[in-house]
């Protein structure tokens, strides 16, 4: 079974950096506790504090879909657009896999 790894980049609206940061931070602990979550981290760019990156790995599409129905994800979906100027997602693949 292939894992799913995504990189999600967020650019906060000029006056909403702290709000977006708090919203993204509140996703980390409950997401990491979910069944099928192998990795979930959020980063803020040092050279551009308005820019954030989430890197998440799920053991299956089913696990990722379960994440999208979680209470914390629903809160995120409700608010992120009002704080976020731009968002884009890339699906990643490992170049070297360790077994």
C-alpha atoms as a PDB file:
ATOM      1  CA  UNK A   1       0.000   0.000   0.000  1.00  0.00           C
ATOM      2  CA  UNK A   2       1.389   3.387  -1.029  1.00  0.00           C
ATOM      3  CA  UNK A   3       1.481   6.202   1.465  1.00  0.00           C
ATOM      4  CA  UNK A   4       0.230   9.688   0.629  1.00  0.00           C
ATOM      5  CA  UNK A   5       2.476  12.665   1.334  1.00  0.00           C
ATOM      6  CA  UNK A   6       1.330  16.205   0.710  1.00  0.00           C
ATOM      7  CA  UNK A   7       2.933  19.592   1.048  1.00  0.00           C
ATOM      8  CA  UNK A   8       0.390  22.346   1.536  1.00  0.00           C
ATOM      9  CA  UNK A   9       1.612  25.933   1.282  1.00  0.00           C
ATOM     10  CA  UNK A  10      -0.333  28.833   2.754  1.00  0.00           C
ATOM     11  CA  UNK A  11       0.279  32.560   2.311  1.00  0.00           C
ATOM     12  CA  UNK A  12      -1.454  34.559   5.035  1.00  0.00           C
ATOM     13  CA  UNK A  13      -3.294  37.759   4.262  1.00  0.00           C
ATOM     14  CA  UNK A  14      -1.257  40.791   5.343  1.00  0.00           C
ATOM     15  CA  UNK A  15      -3.119  41.432   8.604  1.00  0.00           C
ATOM     16  CA  UNK A  16      -3.916  37.806   9.485  1.00  0.00           C
ATOM     17  CA  UNK A  17      -0.542  36.126  10.022  1.00  0.00           C
ATOM     18  CA  UNK A  18      -1.131  35.362  13.709  1.00  0.00           C
ATOM     19  CA  UNK A  19      -4.676  34.109  13.101  1.00  0.00           C
ATOM     20  CA  UNK A  20      -3.553  31.723  10.366  1.00  0.00           C
ATOM     21  CA  UNK A  21      -0.606  30.591  12.496  1.00  0.00           C
ATOM     22  CA  UNK A  22      -2.899  29.773  15.430  1.00  0.00           C
ATOM     23  CA  UNK A  23      -5.354  27.955  13.172  1.00  0.00           C
ATOM     24  CA  UNK A  24      -2.594  25.821  11.649  1.00  0.00           C
ATOM     25  CA  UNK A  25      -0.960  25.152  15.035  1.00  0.00           C
ATOM     26  CA  UNK A  26      -4.222  23.802  16.429  1.00  0.00           C
ATOM     27  CA  UNK A  27      -4.206  21.135  13.696  1.00  0.00           C
ATOM     28  CA  UNK A  28      -0.911  19.479  14.640  1.00  0.00           C
ATOM     29  CA  UNK A  29      -1.554  17.546  17.860  1.00  0.00           C
ATOM     30  CA  UNK A  30      -5.000  16.138  16.984  1.00  0.00           C
ATOM     31  CA  UNK A  31      -3.888  15.277  13.439  1.00  0.00           C
ATOM     32  CA  UNK A  32      -0.826  13.387  14.711  1.00  0.00           C
ATOM     33  CA  UNK A  33      -3.134  11.390  17.009  1.00  0.00           C
ATOM     34  CA  UNK A  34      -5.347  10.229  14.146  1.00  0.00           C
ATOM     35  CA  UNK A  35      -5.290   6.639  12.896  1.00  0.00           C
ATOM     36  CA  UNK A  36      -3.135   6.424   9.801  1.00  0.00           C
ATOM     37  CA  UNK A  37      -1.174   9.639  10.338  1.00  0.00           C
ATOM     38  CA  UNK A  38       2.524   8.905   9.834  1.00  0.00           C
ATOM     39  CA  UNK A  39       3.743  12.523   9.837  1.00  0.00           C
ATOM     40  CA  UNK A  40       2.142  15.923  10.319  1.00  0.00           C
ATOM     41  CA  UNK A  41       4.197  19.083  10.784  1.00  0.00           C
ATOM     42  CA  UNK A  42       3.641  22.771  10.116  1.00  0.00           C
ATOM     43  CA  UNK A  43       6.483  25.179   9.341  1.00  0.00           C
ATOM     44  CA  UNK A  44       6.677  28.960   9.122  1.00  0.00           C
ATOM     45  CA  UNK A  45       9.224  30.396   6.708  1.00  0.00           C
ATOM     46  CA  UNK A  46      11.877  32.482   8.477  1.00  0.00           C
ATOM     47  CA  UNK A  47      12.452  34.753   5.480  1.00  0.00           C
ATOM     48  CA  UNK A  48       8.710  35.275   4.877  1.00  0.00           C
ATOM     49  CA  UNK A  49       6.579  35.015   8.052  1.00  0.00           C
ATOM     50  CA  UNK A  50       3.373  35.174   6.006  1.00  0.00           C
ATOM     51  CA  UNK A  51       4.251  31.814   4.416  1.00  0.00           C
ATOM     52  CA  UNK A  52       3.528  28.453   6.070  1.00  0.00           C
ATOM     53  CA  UNK A  53       4.018  24.889   4.923  1.00  0.00           C
ATOM     54  CA  UNK A  54       2.299  21.757   6.165  1.00  0.00           C
ATOM     55  CA  UNK A  55       3.915  18.413   5.384  1.00  0.00           C
ATOM     56  CA  UNK A  56       1.720  15.422   6.076  1.00  0.00           C
ATOM     57  CA  UNK A  57       1.972  11.706   5.367  1.00  0.00           C
ATOM     58  CA  UNK A  58      -0.943   9.297   5.616  1.00  0.00           C
ATOM     59  CA  UNK A  59      -0.787   5.526   5.356  1.00  0.00           C
ATOM     60  CA  UNK A  60      -3.717   5.413   2.902  1.00  0.00           C
ATOM     61  CA  UNK A  61      -6.374   7.393   1.070  1.00  0.00           C
ATOM     62  CA  UNK A  62      -8.833   6.095   3.663  1.00  0.00           C
ATOM     63  CA  UNK A  63      -6.766   7.618   6.503  1.00  0.00           C
ATOM     64  CA  UNK A  64      -6.540  10.949   4.670  1.00  0.00           C
ATOM     65  CA  UNK A  65     -10.289  10.937   4.049  1.00  0.00           C
ATOM     66  CA  UNK A  66     -10.855  10.218   7.759  1.00  0.00           C
ATOM     67  CA  UNK A  67      -8.696  13.242   8.594  1.00  0.00           C
ATOM     68  CA  UNK A  68     -10.915  15.400   6.378  1.00  0.00           C
ATOM     69  CA  UNK A  69     -13.971  14.466   8.472  1.00  0.00           C
ATOM     70  CA  UNK A  70     -12.356  15.198  11.857  1.00  0.00           C
ATOM     71  CA  UNK A  71     -13.683  18.004  14.099  1.00  0.00           C
ATOM     72  CA  UNK A  72     -10.398  19.965  13.971  1.00  0.00           C
ATOM     73  CA  UNK A  73     -10.296  19.777  10.162  1.00  0.00           C
ATOM     74  CA  UNK A  74     -13.849  21.150  10.027  1.00  0.00           C
ATOM     75  CA  UNK A  75     -12.769  24.133  12.174  1.00  0.00           C
ATOM     76  CA  UNK A  76      -9.788  24.698   9.875  1.00  0.00           C
ATOM     77  CA  UNK A  77     -12.018  24.571   6.765  1.00  0.00           C
ATOM     78  CA  UNK A  78     -14.454  27.020   8.330  1.00  0.00           C
ATOM     79  CA  UNK A  79     -11.826  29.730   8.940  1.00  0.00           C
ATOM     80  CA  UNK A  80      -8.748  29.328   6.748  1.00  0.00           C
ATOM     81  CA  UNK A  81     -10.064  31.209   3.698  1.00  0.00           C
ATOM     82  CA  UNK A  82     -10.612  34.413   5.652  1.00  0.00           C
ATOM     83  CA  UNK A  83      -6.968  34.352   6.825  1.00  0.00           C
ATOM     84  CA  UNK A  84      -5.302  32.945   3.717  1.00  0.00           C
ATOM     85  CA  UNK A  85      -4.416  34.895   0.571  1.00  0.00           C
ATOM     86  CA  UNK A  86      -3.216  31.839  -1.348  1.00  0.00           C
ATOM     87  CA  UNK A  87      -3.050  28.082  -0.804  1.00  0.00           C
ATOM     88  CA  UNK A  88      -1.626  25.351  -2.986  1.00  0.00           C
ATOM     89  CA  UNK A  89      -0.984  21.656  -2.546  1.00  0.00           C
ATOM     90  CA  UNK A  90       1.649  19.326  -3.994  1.00  0.00           C
ATOM     91  CA  UNK A  91       1.610  15.562  -3.683  1.00  0.00           C
ATOM     92  CA  UNK A  92       5.091  14.203  -3.009  1.00  0.00           C
ATOM     93  CA  UNK A  93       6.827  10.885  -3.513  1.00  0.00           C
ATOM     94  CA  UNK A  94       9.918   9.523  -1.768  1.00  0.00           C
ATOM     95  CA  UNK A  95      13.000   9.212  -3.967  1.00  0.00           C
ATOM     96  CA  UNK A  96      14.521   6.618  -1.656  1.00  0.00           C
ATOM     97  CA  UNK A  97      12.265   4.494   0.497  1.00  0.00           C
ATOM     98  CA  UNK A  98      13.608   2.804   3.588  1.00  0.00           C
ATOM     99  CA  UNK A  99      11.904  -0.456   4.472  1.00  0.00           C
END
